[in-house]
């Protein structure tokens, strides 16, 4: 891969905007003209450090829309997200080696740079960047923990210091005012888009290592991103808290109950306001989407319920429709659009034919991907742009929901975007390479 270039000191994202003070003449408020209302663009802090124009993408071949040869990289393995018309990534300060959250627009202009903690380097615990959702709004969260480089920076040189930052869809950032050194963030890769914390002994060792299975994680705190505060996980007697999804707390009953007719294991799941019975299969029977829960039933079908109301969601042509877990999508994509409104679905129709669909969860509009297209979708944007490959994994296909449901294929294999923001900025993410943000062709 081509080496990343560094921005000049005047372009680095660690700058702060200048300010000036000028004298204002005294005026009669009755005769003074009304103040100007012309909107001004928010100040930026320069370009992302690795921002480049004229760069030849070396990993593979980009889809035609992103052949502008303009973009930038995010650190490998540190997390990168798009939300609305923003991008968020972790960047390293070349002077101190500190890592920080950077929020940009689609031109690579830095809108926010998190404060530095002045941690000892090399940093043993990597920051955690997540995208969470509550009441239909999206937030980016950034958690960081480590030992201060200077002994006087905390109560003791071996006492970790932390910061948790919440950034809303407008790019406004709030630092959570709480010591989180005795908590570890719980991964949100299961698609629930909530941020919970498990208790630790306060050491850095407890922040690293392979996490236990989701069933073994007992969360102690959960983030309310709207208030930028941590709450104690709400409890219901006899139920176990599973997650907070779009602001709704979800619970399930303990294992051990059986259906009196079939003898198969069953359990209940739901919220404080409603619950439903499901087939408690050892391999798993609950699947969560941005705003719904899919449960496996004893007869092999699925019941998909709106988490806010408990009402069933119905899908056109779905005789035994089950929402596939987001984790079953290829690692290069996701089953949901970044805003959670559009979903890639996979089910059998009334004739038992395997079918791929795109569903708008807000409006209920749904369209089937052309049946004979040999197309496996991997990602969908907020605007309904769907990318994927044929089943052989050779050709790259594209369609646009809801008007163009017949995929168009390229002659050569191209890299697939994992997410596209509202301005068309695409994210290309791989397990062993840095994430690349590609600016679309104008």
Protein backbone atom coordinates (compact mmCIF):
# COMPACT_ATOMS: atom_id res chain seq x y z
CA UNK A 1 0.00 0.00 0.00
CA UNK A 2 1.21 3.48 -0.79
CA UNK A 3 2.62 5.29 2.21
CA UNK A 4 0.35 7.89 3.80
CA UNK A 5 1.46 11.50 3.51
CA UNK A 6 1.48 13.80 6.50
CA UNK A 7 -0.22 17.18 6.50
CA UNK A 8 1.85 20.29 6.99
CA UNK A 9 1.74 21.94 10.44
CA UNK A 10 -0.79 24.45 9.13
CA UNK A 11 -3.13 21.65 8.03
CA UNK A 12 -2.99 19.36 11.02
CA UNK A 13 -6.23 18.57 12.82
CA UNK A 14 -4.69 19.41 16.18
CA UNK A 15 -4.94 23.15 15.52
CA UNK A 16 -7.53 25.37 17.21
CA UNK A 17 -9.40 28.17 15.41
CA UNK A 18 -8.07 31.66 15.98
CA UNK A 19 -10.20 34.32 17.66
CA UNK A 20 -10.10 38.09 17.55
CA UNK A 21 -11.64 40.96 19.49
CA UNK A 22 -12.80 44.25 17.93
CA UNK A 23 -14.43 47.32 19.48
CA UNK A 24 -18.15 47.76 18.79
CA UNK A 25 -19.55 51.33 18.55
CA UNK A 26 -22.47 52.28 20.76
CA UNK A 27 -25.79 52.49 18.89
CA UNK A 28 -29.34 53.54 19.72
CA UNK A 29 -31.29 50.25 19.97
CA UNK A 30 -34.40 51.95 18.52
CA UNK A 31 -32.63 53.04 15.33
CA UNK A 32 -30.05 50.30 15.01
CA UNK A 33 -30.49 48.00 11.98
CA UNK A 34 -31.39 44.36 12.66
CA UNK A 35 -28.42 42.03 13.05
CA UNK A 36 -27.24 40.13 9.99
CA UNK A 37 -28.68 36.63 9.72
CA UNK A 38 -26.51 35.26 6.93
CA UNK A 39 -25.49 31.73 8.03
CA UNK A 40 -21.79 31.05 8.36
CA UNK A 41 -20.03 27.73 7.99
CA UNK A 42 -18.74 26.22 11.23
CA UNK A 43 -15.00 26.66 11.78
CA UNK A 44 -12.79 23.75 10.78
CA UNK A 45 -9.46 22.62 12.16
CA UNK A 46 -7.71 21.81 8.90
CA UNK A 47 -7.73 18.59 6.91
CA UNK A 48 -7.38 15.05 8.22
CA UNK A 49 -3.65 14.26 8.47
CA UNK A 50 -3.70 11.62 5.73
CA UNK A 51 -5.97 13.56 3.36
CA UNK A 52 -4.68 13.26 -0.20
CA UNK A 53 -5.72 14.29 -3.69
CA UNK A 54 -4.42 12.53 -6.76
CA UNK A 55 -3.97 9.34 -4.79
CA UNK A 56 -4.02 6.06 -6.69
CA UNK A 57 -5.99 3.56 -4.59
CA UNK A 58 -3.70 0.56 -4.24
CA UNK A 59 -5.80 -2.08 -2.44
CA UNK A 60 -8.07 -2.97 -5.33
CA UNK A 61 -10.41 -1.21 -7.72
CA UNK A 62 -12.90 1.36 -6.47
CA UNK A 63 -16.41 1.57 -7.93
CA UNK A 64 -16.68 4.27 -10.57
CA UNK A 65 -18.47 6.71 -8.28
CA UNK A 66 -15.34 7.05 -6.11
CA UNK A 67 -12.66 7.47 -8.76
CA UNK A 68 -11.96 11.04 -7.68
CA UNK A 69 -8.60 9.89 -6.27
CA UNK A 70 -9.34 11.93 -3.15
CA UNK A 71 -9.65 10.46 0.33
CA UNK A 72 -7.89 9.57 3.57
CA UNK A 73 -7.12 6.67 5.89
CA UNK A 74 -8.15 5.77 9.42
CA UNK A 75 -5.88 3.74 11.69
CA UNK A 76 -6.05 -0.01 11.23
CA UNK A 77 -8.26 -1.70 13.82
CA UNK A 78 -9.19 1.50 15.65
CA UNK A 79 -12.70 1.90 14.36
CA UNK A 80 -14.20 4.21 11.77
CA UNK A 81 -17.82 5.21 11.28
CA UNK A 82 -20.07 7.35 9.11
CA UNK A 83 -23.21 8.97 10.44
CA UNK A 84 -25.44 11.36 8.50
CA UNK A 85 -23.05 13.61 6.59
CA UNK A 86 -20.20 13.09 9.09
CA UNK A 87 -17.30 10.67 9.36
CA UNK A 88 -15.57 9.69 12.60
CA UNK A 89 -12.18 8.04 13.00
CA UNK A 90 -9.25 7.66 15.38
CA UNK A 91 -6.15 9.65 14.48
CA UNK A 92 -2.68 9.66 16.01
CA UNK A 93 -0.88 12.89 16.91
CA UNK A 94 2.53 12.54 15.22
CA UNK A 95 4.19 14.69 17.90
CA UNK A 96 3.01 12.85 21.02
CA UNK A 97 1.66 9.54 19.58
CA UNK A 98 -1.58 10.18 21.50
CA UNK A 99 -4.71 8.88 19.80
CA UNK A 100 -7.83 11.01 19.56
CA UNK A 101 -11.30 11.09 18.06
CA UNK A 102 -11.60 13.12 14.88
CA UNK A 103 -14.98 14.06 13.35
CA UNK A 104 -14.94 15.36 9.78
CA UNK A 105 -17.24 16.39 6.98
CA UNK A 106 -17.15 14.71 3.58
CA UNK A 107 -14.37 17.00 2.37
CA UNK A 108 -12.01 15.80 5.09
CA UNK A 109 -12.30 19.03 7.08
CA UNK A 110 -11.99 18.37 10.81
CA UNK A 111 -14.99 19.67 12.75
CA UNK A 112 -14.02 18.25 16.14
CA UNK A 113 -10.86 16.92 17.77
CA UNK A 114 -11.08 15.28 21.21
CA UNK A 115 -8.85 16.50 24.05
CA UNK A 116 -5.59 14.65 24.58
CA UNK A 117 -5.18 12.70 27.82
CA UNK A 118 -1.39 12.70 27.74
CA UNK A 119 -1.17 8.93 28.16
CA UNK A 120 1.95 6.83 28.48
CA UNK A 121 3.13 5.49 25.14
CA UNK A 122 2.98 3.02 23.61
CA UNK A 123 -0.66 2.86 24.64
CA UNK A 124 -1.56 -0.69 25.68
CA UNK A 125 -5.33 -0.19 25.59
CA UNK A 126 -6.69 0.95 22.24
CA UNK A 127 -9.55 3.47 22.16
CA UNK A 128 -13.07 2.23 21.40
CA UNK A 129 -15.10 4.02 18.71
CA UNK A 130 -18.78 3.14 18.32
CA UNK A 131 -21.94 4.40 16.66
CA UNK A 132 -25.04 4.23 18.85
CA UNK A 133 -28.71 4.95 18.27
CA UNK A 134 -31.52 6.24 20.45
CA UNK A 135 -35.01 7.43 19.53
CA UNK A 136 -34.14 7.48 15.84
CA UNK A 137 -31.03 9.65 16.29
CA UNK A 138 -27.45 8.54 15.84
CA UNK A 139 -24.43 9.33 17.98
CA UNK A 140 -20.72 8.55 17.81
CA UNK A 141 -19.03 7.54 21.07
CA UNK A 142 -15.32 7.45 21.90
CA UNK A 143 -13.94 5.70 25.01
CA UNK A 144 -10.31 5.98 26.05
CA UNK A 145 -8.38 4.71 29.08
CA UNK A 146 -4.70 4.63 30.02
CA UNK A 147 -2.01 5.70 32.43
CA UNK A 148 -0.92 9.36 32.45
CA UNK A 149 2.58 10.04 31.20
CA UNK A 150 3.19 12.49 34.06
CA UNK A 151 2.81 11.08 37.62
CA UNK A 152 1.10 14.27 38.82
CA UNK A 153 -1.63 14.07 36.19
CA UNK A 154 -3.77 11.78 38.36
CA UNK A 155 -3.99 10.66 41.95
CA UNK A 156 -1.14 8.24 41.28
CA UNK A 157 0.98 7.26 38.29
CA UNK A 158 -0.58 3.77 38.26
CA UNK A 159 -4.17 5.02 38.38
CA UNK A 160 -5.83 4.91 34.94
CA UNK A 161 -7.63 7.95 33.62
CA UNK A 162 -10.54 7.80 31.18
CA UNK A 163 -12.73 9.85 28.90
CA UNK A 164 -16.03 9.09 27.20
CA UNK A 165 -17.16 11.51 24.49
CA UNK A 166 -20.55 11.60 22.75
CA UNK A 167 -20.93 13.37 19.39
CA UNK A 168 -24.41 14.06 18.01
CA UNK A 169 -25.53 14.09 14.38
CA UNK A 170 -24.62 17.79 14.09
CA UNK A 171 -21.05 17.22 15.20
CA UNK A 172 -21.51 18.70 18.69
CA UNK A 173 -19.43 16.84 21.29
CA UNK A 174 -20.08 16.32 25.01
CA UNK A 175 -17.67 14.75 27.50
CA UNK A 176 -19.38 12.42 29.98
CA UNK A 177 -18.62 13.72 33.45
CA UNK A 178 -17.83 10.47 35.25
CA UNK A 179 -14.79 8.37 36.17
CA UNK A 180 -15.05 5.17 34.09
CA UNK A 181 -11.82 3.53 35.16
CA UNK A 182 -13.76 0.60 36.72
CA UNK A 183 -15.80 -0.13 33.61
CA UNK A 184 -15.15 -1.77 30.27
CA UNK A 185 -17.23 -0.94 27.16
CA UNK A 186 -19.30 -3.75 25.76
CA UNK A 187 -19.00 -4.34 22.04
CA UNK A 188 -21.98 -3.23 19.97
CA UNK A 189 -21.07 -5.35 16.94
CA UNK A 190 -24.28 -7.35 17.42
CA UNK A 191 -26.20 -4.54 15.74
CA UNK A 192 -28.00 -3.23 18.83
CA UNK A 193 -26.21 0.12 18.59
CA UNK A 194 -26.14 0.76 22.31
CA UNK A 195 -23.15 1.24 24.57
CA UNK A 196 -23.09 -0.67 27.84
CA UNK A 197 -20.29 -1.18 30.37
CA UNK A 198 -19.30 -4.16 32.48
CA UNK A 199 -17.57 -3.76 35.85
CA UNK A 200 -13.81 -4.29 36.23
CA UNK A 201 -11.27 -4.14 39.04
CA UNK A 202 -9.94 -0.86 37.71
CA UNK A 203 -6.73 -2.25 36.19
CA UNK A 204 -5.67 -1.87 32.58
CA UNK A 205 -5.36 -5.66 32.33
CA UNK A 206 -9.14 -5.94 32.76
CA UNK A 207 -9.62 -3.75 29.67
CA UNK A 208 -7.80 -6.12 27.30
CA UNK A 209 -8.13 -9.73 26.21
CA UNK A 210 -10.91 -11.64 24.53
CA UNK A 211 -14.34 -10.69 25.83
CA UNK A 212 -16.72 -13.34 27.09
CA UNK A 213 -19.74 -14.38 25.06
CA UNK A 214 -22.69 -12.02 24.96
CA UNK A 215 -24.69 -14.32 27.24
CA UNK A 216 -21.97 -14.08 29.89
CA UNK A 217 -21.76 -10.30 29.88
CA UNK A 218 -23.62 -8.69 32.76
CA UNK A 219 -23.71 -4.98 32.05
CA UNK A 220 -23.65 -2.60 35.01
CA UNK A 221 -24.12 0.75 33.26
CA UNK A 222 -25.64 1.91 29.99
CA UNK A 223 -25.17 5.19 28.13
CA UNK A 224 -28.01 7.64 27.54
CA UNK A 225 -26.47 9.45 24.53
CA UNK A 226 -29.12 12.19 24.44
CA UNK A 227 -28.21 13.29 27.97
CA UNK A 228 -24.55 12.17 27.67
CA UNK A 229 -24.90 10.36 31.00
CA UNK A 230 -24.40 6.82 32.25
CA UNK A 231 -27.30 5.11 33.96
CA UNK A 232 -27.51 2.00 36.09
CA UNK A 233 -28.88 -0.84 33.96
CA UNK A 234 -32.63 -0.97 34.76
CA UNK A 235 -33.70 -4.27 36.28
CA UNK A 236 -36.90 -6.34 36.17
CA UNK A 237 -37.32 -9.08 38.76
CA UNK A 238 -36.91 -12.51 37.23
CA UNK A 239 -35.65 -11.13 33.90
CA UNK A 240 -32.16 -10.59 32.47
CA UNK A 241 -31.30 -7.34 30.71
CA UNK A 242 -30.10 -7.98 27.15
CA UNK A 243 -29.53 -4.61 25.53
CA UNK A 244 -30.84 -1.12 24.89
CA UNK A 245 -31.97 -0.80 21.28
CA UNK A 246 -32.99 2.60 19.94
CA UNK A 247 -33.52 3.66 23.55
CA UNK A 248 -35.66 0.61 24.47
CA UNK A 249 -34.44 -1.75 27.21
CA UNK A 250 -34.90 -5.42 26.24
CA UNK A 251 -35.10 -8.37 28.65
CA UNK A 252 -35.50 -12.15 28.52
CA UNK A 253 -36.55 -14.81 31.02
CA UNK A 254 -34.13 -17.42 32.40
CA UNK A 255 -33.64 -20.71 30.57
CA UNK A 256 -35.35 -23.89 31.70
CA UNK A 257 -39.02 -23.56 30.72
CA UNK A 258 -40.54 -26.00 28.22
CA UNK A 259 -43.58 -26.00 25.99
CA UNK A 260 -46.18 -28.38 27.54
CA UNK A 261 -47.25 -29.78 24.15
CA UNK A 262 -43.91 -30.37 22.41
CA UNK A 263 -41.46 -30.42 25.33
CA UNK A 264 -39.21 -27.96 23.46
CA UNK A 265 -37.44 -25.19 25.40
CA UNK A 266 -39.23 -21.83 25.39
CA UNK A 267 -38.65 -18.44 26.98
CA UNK A 268 -40.07 -14.92 26.91
CA UNK A 269 -38.45 -11.71 25.70
CA UNK A 270 -39.62 -8.12 25.51
CA UNK A 271 -39.66 -4.79 27.33
CA UNK A 272 -41.33 -3.39 30.46
CA UNK A 273 -44.52 -2.89 28.45
CA UNK A 274 -44.84 -6.15 26.48
CA UNK A 275 -43.32 -9.62 26.02
CA UNK A 276 -43.58 -12.57 23.66
CA UNK A 277 -42.82 -16.30 23.87
CA UNK A 278 -40.21 -17.81 21.56
CA UNK A 279 -38.48 -21.13 20.84
CA UNK A 280 -35.35 -20.99 23.02
CA UNK A 281 -33.08 -22.92 20.65
CA UNK A 282 -29.49 -23.48 21.88
CA UNK A 283 -28.07 -21.98 18.67
CA UNK A 284 -30.02 -18.76 19.24
CA UNK A 285 -33.52 -17.55 18.51
CA UNK A 286 -33.38 -13.77 18.98
CA UNK A 287 -32.21 -11.36 16.28
CA UNK A 288 -32.22 -7.59 16.70
CA UNK A 289 -32.46 -4.93 14.02
CA UNK A 290 -32.30 -1.14 14.38
CA UNK A 291 -35.85 -0.98 15.84
CA UNK A 292 -37.16 -4.57 15.93
CA UNK A 293 -36.69 -8.02 17.43
CA UNK A 294 -37.08 -11.23 15.43
CA UNK A 295 -37.97 -14.38 17.40
CA UNK A 296 -37.95 -17.99 16.24
CA UNK A 297 -41.22 -19.85 16.81
CA UNK A 298 -41.83 -23.55 17.54
CA UNK A 299 -43.18 -24.17 14.02
CA UNK A 300 -40.00 -22.84 12.39
CA UNK A 301 -41.42 -19.48 11.39
CA UNK A 302 -40.45 -16.13 12.86
CA UNK A 303 -42.29 -13.35 14.61
CA UNK A 304 -40.82 -9.88 14.05
CA UNK A 305 -41.93 -7.23 16.53
CA UNK A 306 -41.50 -3.47 16.72
CA UNK A 307 -39.54 -2.85 19.92
CA UNK A 308 -41.31 0.41 20.71
CA UNK A 309 -44.85 -0.98 20.45
CA UNK A 310 -44.62 -4.78 20.52
CA UNK A 311 -46.73 -4.87 17.35
CA UNK A 312 -45.81 -7.44 14.67
CA UNK A 313 -44.11 -6.26 11.50
CA UNK A 314 -45.38 -7.85 8.30
CA UNK A 315 -43.40 -8.20 5.11
CA UNK A 316 -44.73 -8.65 1.61
CA UNK A 317 -44.38 -12.20 0.28
CA UNK A 318 -42.81 -13.57 3.46
CA UNK A 319 -44.34 -16.94 4.32
CA UNK A 320 -41.67 -17.78 6.90
CA UNK A 321 -39.75 -14.57 7.02
CA UNK A 322 -36.92 -14.35 9.51
CA UNK A 323 -34.62 -11.39 9.89
CA UNK A 324 -31.09 -12.63 9.39
CA UNK A 325 -28.66 -11.48 12.07
CA UNK A 326 -26.59 -8.49 11.04
CA UNK A 327 -23.53 -10.50 12.08
CA UNK A 328 -24.20 -12.99 9.25
CA UNK A 329 -23.56 -10.33 6.62
CA UNK A 330 -20.04 -10.37 5.15
CA UNK A 331 -17.49 -8.59 7.32
CA UNK A 332 -17.21 -5.93 4.62
CA UNK A 333 -20.74 -4.64 5.11
CA UNK A 334 -23.91 -4.51 7.14
CA UNK A 335 -27.57 -5.39 6.74
CA UNK A 336 -28.80 -1.95 7.81
CA UNK A 337 -28.29 1.53 6.41
CA UNK A 338 -26.28 3.80 8.74
CA UNK A 339 -29.45 5.60 9.87
CA UNK A 340 -31.25 2.29 10.53
CA UNK A 341 -34.22 3.04 8.27
CA UNK A 342 -33.41 0.68 5.37
CA UNK A 343 -32.79 -3.01 5.87
CA UNK A 344 -31.55 -5.85 3.69
CA UNK A 345 -33.85 -8.85 4.33
CA UNK A 346 -33.70 -12.48 3.29
CA UNK A 347 -36.67 -14.85 3.43
CA UNK A 348 -38.77 -17.46 1.64
CA UNK A 349 -41.92 -16.34 -0.17
CA UNK A 350 -45.23 -18.22 -0.34
CA UNK A 351 -43.83 -20.55 -3.02
CA UNK A 352 -40.77 -21.40 -0.91
CA UNK A 353 -38.45 -19.41 -3.17
CA UNK A 354 -35.46 -17.87 -1.47
CA UNK A 355 -35.68 -14.08 -1.90
CA UNK A 356 -33.68 -10.94 -1.16
CA UNK A 357 -35.63 -7.80 -0.26
CA UNK A 358 -35.01 -4.19 0.73
CA UNK A 359 -37.39 -2.76 3.34
CA UNK A 360 -37.97 0.78 4.54
CA UNK A 361 -38.81 0.31 8.22
CA UNK A 362 -40.25 3.83 8.51
CA UNK A 363 -42.68 3.73 5.60
CA UNK A 364 -43.16 -0.02 5.21
CA UNK A 365 -42.24 0.20 1.51
CA UNK A 366 -40.46 -2.94 0.33
CA UNK A 367 -39.12 -4.18 -2.98
CA UNK A 368 -37.73 -7.53 -4.01
CA UNK A 369 -34.32 -7.67 -5.65
CA UNK A 370 -34.72 -9.12 -9.15
CA UNK A 371 -35.17 -12.89 -8.63
CA UNK A 372 -32.82 -14.06 -11.40
CA UNK A 373 -30.06 -11.56 -10.71
CA UNK A 374 -27.64 -13.88 -8.82
CA UNK A 375 -26.93 -10.97 -6.47
CA UNK A 376 -25.85 -11.11 -2.83
CA UNK A 377 -26.16 -7.64 -1.21
CA UNK A 378 -23.61 -6.63 1.41
CA UNK A 379 -24.32 -2.98 2.25
CA UNK A 380 -26.98 -0.30 1.84
CA UNK A 381 -26.74 3.48 2.23
CA UNK A 382 -29.28 5.89 3.72
CA UNK A 383 -30.23 6.81 0.14
CA UNK A 384 -30.97 3.18 -0.83
CA UNK A 385 -27.75 2.46 -2.73
CA UNK A 386 -27.08 -1.28 -2.46
CA UNK A 387 -23.73 -2.89 -3.28
CA UNK A 388 -22.87 -6.58 -3.42
CA UNK A 389 -21.47 -9.41 -5.52
CA UNK A 390 -22.67 -12.39 -7.48
CA UNK A 391 -22.68 -15.74 -5.64
CA UNK A 392 -19.32 -16.64 -7.20
CA UNK A 393 -17.83 -13.50 -5.66
CA UNK A 394 -16.39 -12.40 -9.01
CA UNK A 395 -18.56 -9.51 -10.21
CA UNK A 396 -19.54 -6.37 -8.30
CA UNK A 397 -23.19 -5.35 -8.51
CA UNK A 398 -25.19 -2.23 -7.69
CA UNK A 399 -28.88 -1.30 -7.44
CA UNK A 400 -30.91 1.64 -6.12
CA UNK A 401 -33.94 1.10 -3.88
CA UNK A 402 -36.81 1.48 -4.63
CA UNK A 403 -36.68 2.33 -8.35
CA UNK A 404 -33.85 0.16 -9.72
CA UNK A 405 -34.12 -3.34 -8.23
CA UNK A 406 -32.31 -5.09 -11.11
CA UNK A 407 -28.58 -5.08 -10.20
CA UNK A 408 -26.08 -3.69 -12.69
CA UNK A 409 -22.78 -5.57 -12.71
CA UNK A 410 -19.25 -4.36 -13.46
CA UNK A 411 -17.02 -6.36 -15.76
CA UNK A 412 -14.27 -6.52 -13.15
CA UNK A 413 -14.28 -7.16 -9.41
CA UNK A 414 -14.28 -3.95 -7.41
CA UNK A 415 -13.94 -3.29 -3.70
CA UNK A 416 -17.24 -2.84 -1.87
CA UNK A 417 -18.08 0.10 0.40
CA UNK A 418 -19.01 -0.87 3.94
CA UNK A 419 -20.99 2.36 4.44
CA UNK A 420 -21.90 5.52 2.52
CA UNK A 421 -22.82 8.78 4.23
CA UNK A 422 -25.46 11.28 3.15
CA UNK A 423 -22.96 13.25 1.06
CA UNK A 424 -21.73 10.14 -0.77
CA UNK A 425 -18.50 9.67 1.19
CA UNK A 426 -17.78 5.93 1.16
CA UNK A 427 -15.93 3.85 3.72
CA UNK A 428 -13.87 0.84 2.61
CA UNK A 429 -12.88 -1.27 5.60
CA UNK A 430 -10.74 -4.40 5.79
CA UNK A 431 -9.56 -6.53 8.70
CA UNK A 432 -5.83 -6.21 7.98
CA UNK A 433 -5.65 -2.78 6.35
CA UNK A 434 -6.50 0.79 7.38
CA UNK A 435 -10.01 2.01 6.62
CA UNK A 436 -10.14 4.22 3.54
CA UNK A 437 -12.62 7.10 3.14
CA UNK A 438 -13.17 7.84 -0.57
CA UNK A 439 -14.65 11.16 -1.71
CA UNK A 440 -17.18 10.74 -4.55
CA UNK A 441 -16.66 12.14 -8.02
CA UNK A 442 -18.46 15.48 -8.38
